[in-house]
N, C-alpha and C. Protein backbone atom coordinates (compact mmCIF):
# COMPACT_ATOMS: atom_id res chain seq x y z
N UNK A 1 101.17 104.72 89.13
CA UNK A 1 101.14 103.28 88.95
C UNK A 1 102.42 102.65 89.50
N UNK A 2 102.35 101.40 89.99
CA UNK A 2 103.54 100.76 90.56
C UNK A 2 104.73 100.73 89.61
N UNK A 3 104.47 100.56 88.32
CA UNK A 3 105.57 100.49 87.37
C UNK A 3 106.39 101.75 87.28
N UNK A 4 105.82 102.88 87.66
CA UNK A 4 106.56 104.14 87.59
C UNK A 4 107.66 104.22 88.64
N UNK A 5 107.60 103.34 89.65
CA UNK A 5 108.63 103.34 90.70
C UNK A 5 110.01 103.02 90.12
N UNK A 6 110.05 102.30 89.00
CA UNK A 6 111.33 101.90 88.41
C UNK A 6 112.14 103.12 87.97
N UNK A 7 111.47 104.15 87.52
CA UNK A 7 112.18 105.34 87.01
C UNK A 7 112.04 106.54 87.93
N UNK A 8 111.45 106.33 89.11
CA UNK A 8 111.13 107.46 89.99
C UNK A 8 112.37 108.25 90.39
N UNK A 9 113.43 107.56 90.77
CA UNK A 9 114.64 108.28 91.22
C UNK A 9 115.19 109.16 90.10
N UNK A 10 115.24 108.63 88.89
CA UNK A 10 115.74 109.41 87.76
C UNK A 10 114.80 110.56 87.41
N UNK A 11 113.49 110.30 87.49
CA UNK A 11 112.52 111.34 87.18
C UNK A 11 112.64 112.51 88.15
N UNK A 12 112.81 112.21 89.43
CA UNK A 12 112.96 113.27 90.43
C UNK A 12 114.29 114.00 90.26
N UNK A 13 115.33 113.25 89.90
CA UNK A 13 116.65 113.87 89.73
C UNK A 13 116.65 114.93 88.64
N UNK A 14 115.79 114.75 87.65
CA UNK A 14 115.72 115.72 86.55
C UNK A 14 115.27 117.10 87.03
N UNK A 15 114.54 117.13 88.15
CA UNK A 15 114.10 118.41 88.71
C UNK A 15 114.86 118.75 89.99
N UNK A 16 115.97 118.06 90.19
CA UNK A 16 116.85 118.39 91.30
C UNK A 16 116.40 117.90 92.66
N UNK A 17 115.60 116.85 92.70
CA UNK A 17 115.10 116.32 93.97
C UNK A 17 115.51 114.86 94.10
N UNK A 18 115.94 114.46 95.30
CA UNK A 18 116.25 113.07 95.59
C UNK A 18 115.11 112.40 96.32
N UNK A 19 115.07 111.08 96.27
CA UNK A 19 114.02 110.36 96.99
C UNK A 19 113.99 110.74 98.47
N UNK A 20 115.18 110.93 99.04
CA UNK A 20 115.26 111.24 100.46
C UNK A 20 114.77 112.65 100.79
N UNK A 21 114.56 113.48 99.78
CA UNK A 21 114.06 114.84 100.02
C UNK A 21 112.55 114.89 100.23
N UNK A 22 111.86 113.84 99.84
CA UNK A 22 110.39 113.80 99.97
C UNK A 22 110.04 113.46 101.41
N UNK A 23 109.37 114.37 102.09
CA UNK A 23 109.02 114.17 103.50
C UNK A 23 107.68 113.46 103.68
N UNK A 24 106.74 113.70 102.77
CA UNK A 24 105.41 113.12 102.95
C UNK A 24 104.74 112.89 101.61
N UNK A 25 103.99 111.82 101.53
CA UNK A 25 103.14 111.53 100.38
C UNK A 25 101.71 111.57 100.88
N UNK A 26 100.98 112.63 100.52
CA UNK A 26 99.60 112.79 100.98
C UNK A 26 98.69 112.31 99.85
N UNK A 27 98.07 111.17 100.04
CA UNK A 27 97.23 110.56 99.01
C UNK A 27 95.82 111.13 99.06
N UNK A 28 95.29 111.47 97.89
CA UNK A 28 93.91 111.92 97.83
C UNK A 28 92.94 110.77 98.00
N UNK A 29 93.37 109.56 97.59
CA UNK A 29 92.52 108.37 97.73
C UNK A 29 93.35 107.13 97.46
N UNK A 30 92.71 105.96 97.52
CA UNK A 30 93.44 104.70 97.54
C UNK A 30 93.50 103.98 96.19
N UNK A 31 93.03 104.58 95.11
CA UNK A 31 93.13 103.92 93.80
C UNK A 31 94.60 103.73 93.42
N UNK A 32 94.88 102.60 92.77
CA UNK A 32 96.26 102.23 92.50
C UNK A 32 97.00 103.17 91.58
N UNK A 33 96.28 103.91 90.72
CA UNK A 33 96.98 104.85 89.84
C UNK A 33 97.46 106.08 90.60
N UNK A 34 97.09 106.18 91.88
CA UNK A 34 97.55 107.28 92.72
C UNK A 34 98.52 106.80 93.80
N UNK A 35 98.49 105.51 94.12
CA UNK A 35 99.29 105.00 95.24
C UNK A 35 100.54 104.25 94.80
N UNK A 36 100.70 104.01 93.51
CA UNK A 36 101.70 103.07 93.02
C UNK A 36 103.13 103.32 93.47
N UNK A 37 103.57 104.58 93.56
CA UNK A 37 104.96 104.86 93.94
C UNK A 37 105.10 105.16 95.43
N UNK A 38 103.98 105.15 96.16
CA UNK A 38 104.05 105.46 97.59
C UNK A 38 104.98 104.53 98.37
N UNK A 39 104.97 103.20 98.10
CA UNK A 39 105.89 102.33 98.85
C UNK A 39 107.36 102.69 98.62
N UNK A 40 107.70 103.08 97.41
CA UNK A 40 109.08 103.45 97.11
C UNK A 40 109.49 104.69 97.90
N UNK A 41 108.61 105.67 97.98
CA UNK A 41 108.90 106.88 98.74
C UNK A 41 108.90 106.62 100.24
N UNK A 42 107.98 105.77 100.69
CA UNK A 42 107.96 105.41 102.11
C UNK A 42 109.26 104.73 102.50
N UNK A 43 109.75 103.81 101.66
CA UNK A 43 110.99 103.10 101.97
C UNK A 43 112.19 104.05 102.01
N UNK A 44 112.06 105.20 101.33
CA UNK A 44 113.13 106.20 101.34
C UNK A 44 112.99 107.17 102.50
N UNK A 45 111.94 106.99 103.33
CA UNK A 45 111.79 107.80 104.52
C UNK A 45 110.58 108.70 104.59
N UNK A 46 109.74 108.72 103.56
CA UNK A 46 108.58 109.61 103.55
C UNK A 46 107.43 109.03 104.36
N UNK A 47 106.66 109.92 104.98
CA UNK A 47 105.40 109.53 105.62
C UNK A 47 104.35 109.36 104.52
N UNK A 48 103.39 108.46 104.75
CA UNK A 48 102.26 108.28 103.84
C UNK A 48 100.99 108.59 104.61
N UNK A 49 100.14 109.46 104.03
CA UNK A 49 98.90 109.87 104.70
C UNK A 49 97.73 109.66 103.76
N UNK A 50 96.57 109.28 104.36
CA UNK A 50 95.35 109.06 103.58
C UNK A 50 94.14 109.25 104.49
N UNK A 51 92.97 109.55 103.91
CA UNK A 51 91.76 109.67 104.71
C UNK A 51 91.43 108.32 105.35
N UNK A 52 90.93 108.36 106.56
CA UNK A 52 90.66 107.13 107.30
C UNK A 52 89.69 106.20 106.58
N UNK A 53 88.76 106.75 105.80
CA UNK A 53 87.78 105.92 105.11
C UNK A 53 88.37 105.15 103.93
N UNK A 54 89.58 105.51 103.50
CA UNK A 54 90.26 104.79 102.42
C UNK A 54 91.44 103.96 102.91
N UNK A 55 91.68 103.96 104.20
CA UNK A 55 92.84 103.23 104.72
C UNK A 55 92.72 101.72 104.50
N UNK A 56 91.50 101.19 104.64
CA UNK A 56 91.32 99.74 104.48
C UNK A 56 91.65 99.29 103.06
N UNK A 57 91.22 100.06 102.05
CA UNK A 57 91.51 99.68 100.67
C UNK A 57 92.95 100.01 100.29
N UNK A 58 93.62 100.86 101.04
CA UNK A 58 95.05 101.09 100.83
C UNK A 58 95.81 99.86 101.31
N UNK A 59 95.36 99.30 102.44
CA UNK A 59 96.01 98.12 102.99
C UNK A 59 95.68 96.86 102.19
N UNK A 60 94.49 96.81 101.61
CA UNK A 60 94.07 95.63 100.85
C UNK A 60 93.33 96.08 99.59
N UNK A 61 94.08 96.38 98.52
CA UNK A 61 93.45 96.85 97.28
C UNK A 61 92.58 95.76 96.66
N UNK A 62 91.55 96.19 95.97
CA UNK A 62 90.66 95.25 95.28
C UNK A 62 89.70 96.01 94.39
N UNK A 63 88.81 95.30 93.69
CA UNK A 63 87.85 95.97 92.82
C UNK A 63 86.96 96.92 93.60
N UNK A 64 86.57 98.01 92.98
CA UNK A 64 85.67 98.96 93.61
C UNK A 64 84.23 98.48 93.48
N UNK A 65 83.37 99.06 94.28
CA UNK A 65 81.96 98.71 94.24
C UNK A 65 81.11 99.87 93.73
N UNK A 66 79.82 99.79 94.02
CA UNK A 66 78.91 100.86 93.64
C UNK A 66 78.85 101.06 92.13
N UNK A 67 78.88 102.32 91.71
CA UNK A 67 78.84 102.62 90.27
C UNK A 67 80.05 102.07 89.54
N UNK A 68 81.15 101.80 90.26
CA UNK A 68 82.38 101.32 89.65
C UNK A 68 82.55 99.81 89.72
N UNK A 69 81.46 99.09 90.04
CA UNK A 69 81.59 97.64 90.08
C UNK A 69 81.93 97.10 88.69
N UNK A 70 82.55 95.93 88.69
CA UNK A 70 83.13 95.37 87.47
C UNK A 70 82.16 95.31 86.30
N UNK A 71 80.89 94.88 86.45
CA UNK A 71 79.99 94.85 85.29
C UNK A 71 79.82 96.19 84.61
N UNK A 72 79.84 97.26 85.39
CA UNK A 72 79.70 98.60 84.79
C UNK A 72 80.94 98.99 84.00
N UNK A 73 82.09 98.55 84.46
CA UNK A 73 83.32 98.80 83.70
C UNK A 73 83.28 98.03 82.39
N UNK A 74 82.86 96.78 82.46
CA UNK A 74 82.82 95.94 81.26
C UNK A 74 81.89 96.51 80.20
N UNK A 75 80.80 97.14 80.64
CA UNK A 75 79.86 97.74 79.68
C UNK A 75 80.49 98.89 78.89
N UNK A 76 81.60 99.42 79.38
CA UNK A 76 82.24 100.56 78.73
C UNK A 76 83.50 100.19 77.96
N UNK A 77 83.76 98.89 77.83
CA UNK A 77 84.97 98.47 77.13
C UNK A 77 84.88 98.68 75.62
N UNK A 78 83.68 98.96 75.12
CA UNK A 78 83.57 99.23 73.68
C UNK A 78 84.15 100.60 73.33
N UNK A 79 84.36 101.42 74.33
CA UNK A 79 84.89 102.76 74.09
C UNK A 79 86.41 102.68 73.92
N UNK A 80 86.97 103.16 72.83
CA UNK A 80 88.43 103.12 72.63
C UNK A 80 89.20 103.79 73.76
N UNK A 81 88.67 104.89 74.28
CA UNK A 81 89.38 105.60 75.35
C UNK A 81 89.46 104.77 76.62
N UNK A 82 88.40 104.00 76.91
CA UNK A 82 88.41 103.14 78.08
C UNK A 82 89.48 102.06 77.94
N UNK A 83 89.54 101.44 76.76
CA UNK A 83 90.55 100.41 76.52
C UNK A 83 91.96 100.99 76.61
N UNK A 84 92.12 102.19 76.14
CA UNK A 84 93.44 102.83 76.18
C UNK A 84 93.89 103.05 77.62
N UNK A 85 92.97 103.55 78.45
CA UNK A 85 93.31 103.80 79.85
C UNK A 85 93.61 102.50 80.58
N UNK A 86 92.76 101.49 80.39
CA UNK A 86 92.97 100.20 81.05
C UNK A 86 94.27 99.56 80.59
N UNK A 87 94.56 99.64 79.29
CA UNK A 87 95.80 99.08 78.79
C UNK A 87 97.01 99.75 79.40
N UNK A 88 96.95 101.06 79.52
CA UNK A 88 98.04 101.82 80.14
C UNK A 88 98.25 101.37 81.58
N UNK A 89 97.17 101.20 82.32
CA UNK A 89 97.27 100.80 83.72
C UNK A 89 97.86 99.40 83.85
N UNK A 90 97.42 98.48 83.00
CA UNK A 90 97.93 97.10 83.07
C UNK A 90 99.41 97.03 82.71
N UNK A 91 99.83 97.83 81.74
CA UNK A 91 101.24 97.82 81.35
C UNK A 91 102.15 98.33 82.47
N UNK A 92 101.59 99.13 83.36
CA UNK A 92 102.40 99.74 84.41
C UNK A 92 102.07 99.20 85.81
N UNK A 93 101.64 97.96 85.86
CA UNK A 93 101.49 97.29 87.14
C UNK A 93 100.12 97.33 87.76
N UNK A 94 99.11 97.72 86.99
CA UNK A 94 97.77 97.85 87.56
C UNK A 94 97.12 96.54 87.95
N UNK A 95 97.65 95.42 87.49
CA UNK A 95 97.07 94.12 87.84
C UNK A 95 97.56 93.62 89.20
N UNK A 96 98.61 94.24 89.72
CA UNK A 96 99.15 93.82 91.01
C UNK A 96 99.51 95.06 91.81
N UNK A 97 98.54 95.56 92.55
CA UNK A 97 98.73 96.80 93.30
C UNK A 97 99.37 96.53 94.65
N UNK A 98 100.20 97.45 95.13
CA UNK A 98 100.88 97.23 96.42
C UNK A 98 99.92 97.37 97.60
N UNK A 99 100.17 96.56 98.62
CA UNK A 99 99.46 96.71 99.89
C UNK A 99 100.30 97.64 100.76
N UNK A 100 99.69 98.73 101.20
CA UNK A 100 100.43 99.73 101.95
C UNK A 100 99.90 99.77 103.38
N UNK A 101 100.73 99.30 104.30
CA UNK A 101 100.36 99.26 105.72
C UNK A 101 100.94 100.47 106.44
N UNK A 102 100.30 100.81 107.54
CA UNK A 102 100.87 101.79 108.46
C UNK A 102 100.77 103.23 108.04
N UNK A 103 99.87 103.56 107.12
CA UNK A 103 99.72 104.96 106.73
C UNK A 103 99.09 105.76 107.87
N UNK A 104 99.45 107.02 107.97
CA UNK A 104 98.78 107.93 108.89
C UNK A 104 97.46 108.34 108.26
N UNK A 105 96.43 108.53 109.08
CA UNK A 105 95.13 108.89 108.53
C UNK A 105 94.75 110.31 108.91
N UNK A 106 93.97 110.93 108.03
CA UNK A 106 93.47 112.28 108.27
C UNK A 106 91.96 112.30 108.15
N UNK A 107 91.35 113.41 108.58
CA UNK A 107 89.90 113.59 108.54
C UNK A 107 89.58 114.94 107.90
N UNK A 108 88.31 115.11 107.55
CA UNK A 108 87.85 116.37 106.96
C UNK A 108 88.19 117.55 107.88
N UNK A 109 88.77 118.58 107.29
CA UNK A 109 89.09 119.78 108.06
C UNK A 109 90.46 119.80 108.70
N UNK A 110 91.14 118.65 108.73
CA UNK A 110 92.47 118.62 109.32
C UNK A 110 93.43 119.52 108.54
N UNK A 111 94.31 120.18 109.26
CA UNK A 111 95.44 120.88 108.63
C UNK A 111 96.67 120.02 108.92
N UNK A 112 97.25 119.47 107.87
CA UNK A 112 98.27 118.44 108.02
C UNK A 112 99.64 119.04 108.32
N UNK A 113 100.36 118.36 109.20
CA UNK A 113 101.71 118.78 109.56
C UNK A 113 102.68 118.25 108.50
N UNK A 114 102.58 118.83 107.32
CA UNK A 114 103.44 118.49 106.19
C UNK A 114 103.84 119.80 105.52
N UNK A 115 104.89 119.78 104.70
CA UNK A 115 105.22 121.01 103.96
C UNK A 115 104.01 121.54 103.20
N UNK A 116 103.74 122.83 103.35
CA UNK A 116 102.57 123.42 102.70
C UNK A 116 101.35 123.50 103.58
N UNK A 117 101.35 122.79 104.74
CA UNK A 117 100.23 122.83 105.68
C UNK A 117 98.90 122.62 104.96
N UNK A 118 98.76 121.49 104.30
CA UNK A 118 97.56 121.21 103.50
C UNK A 118 96.33 121.05 104.38
N UNK A 119 95.22 121.63 103.93
CA UNK A 119 93.93 121.46 104.62
C UNK A 119 93.08 120.44 103.86
N UNK A 120 92.52 119.51 104.59
CA UNK A 120 91.75 118.42 104.00
C UNK A 120 90.31 118.84 103.76
N UNK A 121 89.82 118.56 102.56
CA UNK A 121 88.41 118.74 102.24
C UNK A 121 87.88 117.39 101.78
N UNK A 122 87.08 116.76 102.61
CA UNK A 122 86.57 115.42 102.28
C UNK A 122 85.62 115.53 101.09
N UNK A 123 85.95 114.82 100.02
CA UNK A 123 85.16 114.85 98.78
C UNK A 123 84.80 113.42 98.37
N UNK A 124 83.98 112.73 99.14
CA UNK A 124 83.67 111.33 98.83
C UNK A 124 82.85 111.20 97.56
N UNK A 125 82.91 110.01 96.99
CA UNK A 125 82.16 109.72 95.78
C UNK A 125 82.99 108.90 94.82
N UNK A 126 84.16 109.40 94.46
CA UNK A 126 85.06 108.60 93.63
C UNK A 126 85.51 107.39 94.44
N UNK A 127 85.86 107.62 95.69
CA UNK A 127 86.06 106.59 96.71
C UNK A 127 85.42 107.12 97.99
N UNK A 128 85.17 106.24 98.97
CA UNK A 128 84.55 106.73 100.21
C UNK A 128 85.38 107.77 100.94
N UNK A 129 86.71 107.65 100.86
CA UNK A 129 87.57 108.56 101.62
C UNK A 129 88.34 109.54 100.77
N UNK A 130 87.84 109.84 99.59
CA UNK A 130 88.56 110.79 98.74
C UNK A 130 88.67 112.13 99.45
N UNK A 131 89.86 112.71 99.39
CA UNK A 131 90.07 114.02 100.01
C UNK A 131 90.81 114.96 99.08
N UNK A 132 90.27 116.14 98.84
CA UNK A 132 91.00 117.18 98.14
C UNK A 132 91.87 117.90 99.17
N UNK A 133 92.99 118.43 98.71
CA UNK A 133 94.00 119.00 99.61
C UNK A 133 94.28 120.44 99.21
N UNK A 134 94.00 121.36 100.12
CA UNK A 134 94.13 122.78 99.82
C UNK A 134 95.41 123.35 100.42
N UNK A 135 96.28 123.88 99.54
CA UNK A 135 97.44 124.64 99.98
C UNK A 135 97.02 126.11 100.01
N UNK A 136 96.49 126.52 101.14
CA UNK A 136 95.83 127.83 101.26
C UNK A 136 96.75 128.99 100.88
N UNK A 137 98.00 128.94 101.36
CA UNK A 137 98.90 130.06 101.13
C UNK A 137 99.28 130.21 99.66
N UNK A 138 99.19 129.11 98.91
CA UNK A 138 99.52 129.15 97.48
C UNK A 138 98.29 129.20 96.59
N UNK A 139 97.11 129.11 97.21
CA UNK A 139 95.85 129.09 96.48
C UNK A 139 95.83 127.98 95.42
N UNK A 140 96.27 126.80 95.87
CA UNK A 140 96.29 125.62 95.00
C UNK A 140 95.51 124.51 95.67
N UNK A 141 94.63 123.86 94.90
CA UNK A 141 93.85 122.73 95.38
C UNK A 141 94.29 121.48 94.64
N UNK A 142 94.80 120.50 95.37
CA UNK A 142 95.08 119.19 94.80
C UNK A 142 93.76 118.42 94.80
N UNK A 143 93.10 118.39 93.65
CA UNK A 143 91.73 117.86 93.58
C UNK A 143 91.67 116.36 93.42
N UNK A 144 92.81 115.72 93.13
CA UNK A 144 92.79 114.28 92.93
C UNK A 144 91.85 113.91 91.80
N UNK A 145 90.95 112.96 92.07
CA UNK A 145 89.94 112.55 91.09
C UNK A 145 88.55 113.03 91.47
N UNK A 146 88.48 114.05 92.33
CA UNK A 146 87.18 114.61 92.70
C UNK A 146 86.66 115.55 91.62
N UNK A 147 87.57 116.15 90.88
CA UNK A 147 87.19 117.15 89.88
C UNK A 147 88.23 117.13 88.77
N UNK A 148 87.77 117.02 87.53
CA UNK A 148 88.67 117.01 86.38
C UNK A 148 88.21 118.04 85.37
N UNK A 149 89.08 118.34 84.38
CA UNK A 149 88.73 119.40 83.42
C UNK A 149 88.33 118.87 82.05
N UNK A 150 88.32 117.53 81.89
CA UNK A 150 87.85 116.95 80.63
C UNK A 150 87.41 115.51 80.90
N UNK A 151 86.48 115.03 80.13
CA UNK A 151 85.97 113.68 80.30
C UNK A 151 86.96 112.70 79.70
N UNK A 152 87.36 111.69 80.49
CA UNK A 152 88.38 110.75 80.04
C UNK A 152 87.90 109.86 78.90
N UNK A 153 86.59 109.71 78.76
CA UNK A 153 86.04 108.80 77.75
C UNK A 153 85.51 109.55 76.55
N UNK A 154 84.69 110.58 76.79
CA UNK A 154 84.04 111.29 75.67
C UNK A 154 84.85 112.50 75.21
N UNK A 155 85.85 112.91 76.00
CA UNK A 155 86.69 114.07 75.71
C UNK A 155 85.94 115.39 75.82
N UNK A 156 84.76 115.39 76.43
CA UNK A 156 84.07 116.65 76.67
C UNK A 156 84.88 117.53 77.61
N UNK A 157 84.86 118.84 77.38
CA UNK A 157 85.68 119.75 78.15
C UNK A 157 84.89 120.42 79.27
N UNK A 158 85.61 120.95 80.25
CA UNK A 158 84.99 121.70 81.33
C UNK A 158 85.03 120.94 82.65
N UNK A 159 84.90 121.64 83.78
CA UNK A 159 84.94 121.00 85.10
C UNK A 159 83.85 119.95 85.23
N UNK A 160 84.20 118.79 85.74
CA UNK A 160 83.25 117.68 85.88
C UNK A 160 83.84 116.62 86.80
N UNK A 161 83.00 115.69 87.22
CA UNK A 161 83.48 114.57 88.01
C UNK A 161 84.02 113.48 87.07
N UNK A 162 84.64 112.49 87.63
CA UNK A 162 85.15 111.37 86.84
C UNK A 162 83.98 110.60 86.21
N UNK A 163 84.25 109.81 85.14
CA UNK A 163 83.17 109.02 84.53
C UNK A 163 82.46 108.15 85.57
N UNK A 164 81.16 107.99 85.40
CA UNK A 164 80.34 107.27 86.37
C UNK A 164 80.91 105.92 86.74
N UNK A 165 81.40 105.17 85.76
CA UNK A 165 81.84 103.80 86.04
C UNK A 165 83.19 103.73 86.77
N UNK A 166 83.75 104.89 87.13
CA UNK A 166 84.97 104.91 87.95
C UNK A 166 84.70 105.31 89.39
N UNK A 167 83.46 105.71 89.70
CA UNK A 167 83.12 106.20 91.03
C UNK A 167 82.32 105.18 91.82
N UNK A 168 82.53 105.12 93.12
CA UNK A 168 81.69 104.27 93.94
C UNK A 168 80.30 104.87 94.11
N UNK A 169 80.19 106.19 94.03
CA UNK A 169 78.90 106.86 94.18
C UNK A 169 78.96 108.20 93.43
N UNK A 170 78.53 108.18 92.17
CA UNK A 170 78.66 109.38 91.33
C UNK A 170 77.76 110.52 91.80
N UNK A 171 76.58 110.19 92.32
CA UNK A 171 75.70 111.26 92.80
C UNK A 171 76.33 111.97 93.99
N UNK A 172 76.98 111.20 94.84
CA UNK A 172 77.65 111.80 95.99
C UNK A 172 78.86 112.63 95.54
N UNK A 173 79.56 112.12 94.53
CA UNK A 173 80.72 112.87 94.01
C UNK A 173 80.27 114.21 93.44
N UNK A 174 79.19 114.22 92.68
CA UNK A 174 78.68 115.45 92.10
C UNK A 174 78.10 116.36 93.17
N UNK A 175 77.43 115.76 94.13
CA UNK A 175 76.78 116.53 95.19
C UNK A 175 77.75 117.30 96.06
N UNK A 176 79.01 116.87 96.10
CA UNK A 176 80.00 117.59 96.91
C UNK A 176 80.31 118.96 96.31
N UNK A 177 80.06 119.08 95.01
CA UNK A 177 80.30 120.36 94.34
C UNK A 177 79.01 121.11 94.02
N UNK A 178 77.95 120.33 93.66
CA UNK A 178 76.70 120.96 93.23
C UNK A 178 75.55 120.03 93.61
N UNK A 179 75.04 120.11 94.83
CA UNK A 179 74.04 119.18 95.31
C UNK A 179 72.77 119.16 94.46
N UNK A 180 72.19 117.96 94.32
CA UNK A 180 70.90 117.83 93.68
C UNK A 180 69.82 118.14 94.72
N UNK A 181 68.56 118.33 94.29
CA UNK A 181 67.49 118.62 95.25
C UNK A 181 67.32 117.52 96.30
N UNK A 182 67.74 116.27 95.94
CA UNK A 182 67.58 115.16 96.88
C UNK A 182 68.76 115.05 97.84
N UNK A 183 69.84 115.77 97.56
CA UNK A 183 71.05 115.62 98.36
C UNK A 183 70.95 116.42 99.66
N UNK A 184 71.46 115.81 100.74
CA UNK A 184 71.57 116.52 102.01
C UNK A 184 73.01 116.93 102.26
N UNK A 185 73.88 116.71 101.28
CA UNK A 185 75.30 116.99 101.44
C UNK A 185 75.59 118.47 101.22
N UNK A 186 76.43 119.01 102.07
CA UNK A 186 76.83 120.41 101.95
C UNK A 186 77.86 120.56 100.83
N UNK A 187 77.68 121.53 99.93
CA UNK A 187 78.65 121.69 98.85
C UNK A 187 80.00 122.18 99.37
N UNK A 188 81.05 121.80 98.64
CA UNK A 188 82.39 122.26 98.99
C UNK A 188 82.55 123.74 98.68
N UNK A 189 83.08 124.47 99.63
CA UNK A 189 83.38 125.89 99.41
C UNK A 189 84.64 126.20 100.20
N UNK A 190 85.71 126.54 99.48
CA UNK A 190 86.95 126.79 100.22
C UNK A 190 87.54 128.15 99.87
N UNK A 191 87.81 128.38 98.62
CA UNK A 191 88.43 129.62 98.22
C UNK A 191 88.60 129.60 96.71
N UNK A 192 89.10 130.70 96.15
CA UNK A 192 89.48 130.72 94.75
C UNK A 192 90.87 130.11 94.64
N UNK A 193 90.99 129.00 93.92
CA UNK A 193 92.27 128.30 93.85
C UNK A 193 92.42 127.61 92.52
N UNK A 194 93.66 127.38 92.13
CA UNK A 194 93.96 126.59 90.95
C UNK A 194 93.90 125.13 91.32
N UNK A 195 93.14 124.34 90.55
CA UNK A 195 92.99 122.92 90.85
C UNK A 195 94.01 122.11 90.07
N UNK A 196 94.63 121.14 90.77
CA UNK A 196 95.61 120.24 90.17
C UNK A 196 95.20 118.82 90.51
N UNK A 197 95.21 117.93 89.50
CA UNK A 197 94.89 116.54 89.78
C UNK A 197 96.09 115.83 90.38
N UNK A 198 95.82 114.82 91.22
CA UNK A 198 96.90 113.97 91.72
C UNK A 198 97.09 114.09 93.21
N UNK A 199 98.00 113.25 93.74
CA UNK A 199 98.37 113.32 95.13
C UNK A 199 99.46 114.36 95.31
N UNK A 200 99.85 114.59 96.54
CA UNK A 200 100.90 115.58 96.81
C UNK A 200 102.09 114.90 97.43
N UNK A 201 103.21 114.91 96.71
CA UNK A 201 104.48 114.46 97.27
C UNK A 201 105.26 115.70 97.65
N UNK A 202 105.59 115.81 98.93
CA UNK A 202 106.02 117.11 99.45
C UNK A 202 107.43 117.09 100.00
N UNK A 203 108.21 118.08 99.58
CA UNK A 203 109.55 118.27 100.11
C UNK A 203 109.68 119.70 100.57
N UNK A 204 110.40 119.92 101.66
CA UNK A 204 110.62 121.29 102.11
C UNK A 204 111.64 121.96 101.21
N UNK A 205 111.45 123.25 100.92
CA UNK A 205 112.43 123.96 100.09
C UNK A 205 113.79 124.02 100.75
N UNK A 206 114.84 123.90 99.94
CA UNK A 206 116.20 123.94 100.50
C UNK A 206 116.65 125.38 100.71
């Protein structure tokens, strides 16, 4: 979230990293809870990368469509967990998201010239350009919001996609992992890896 930029330098210092040590911010998608500190890191010298299908909403943030259109969100405000998440986002700058111009774009299958040599796996559904990022040599997958281990609203456990009202196309999001009989989408298959949510802010080891 944008509000986290205020403490970012101190937060990184606690683990022995300076803002200037971050070489690249590889965004899994353009939602503001993932892009909020990118301008601060870019201003310190980091490259910003995102899938080409999400570049437009990175440059001009706004309400999502599809399953995540505003009426569907409003229908879920009776849930305490939904209110908690929205309140958290608003307190940390979610009402005024940064416009990020000039990001480098990537495509499905690209191996990015960043620390870790991340391979892009296009996982649309949460957003049109959502991309999971595979660090093959470490067997780690930065899954972003394509795959989570618990339901944010119902607290159900186990691998699953984000709640329907947060995705532009939930069927497409699910189909990337486990296609329905109606889906023509090829399921994702990469390797055995540990999945981590979030974007990747990358620094080369000293």
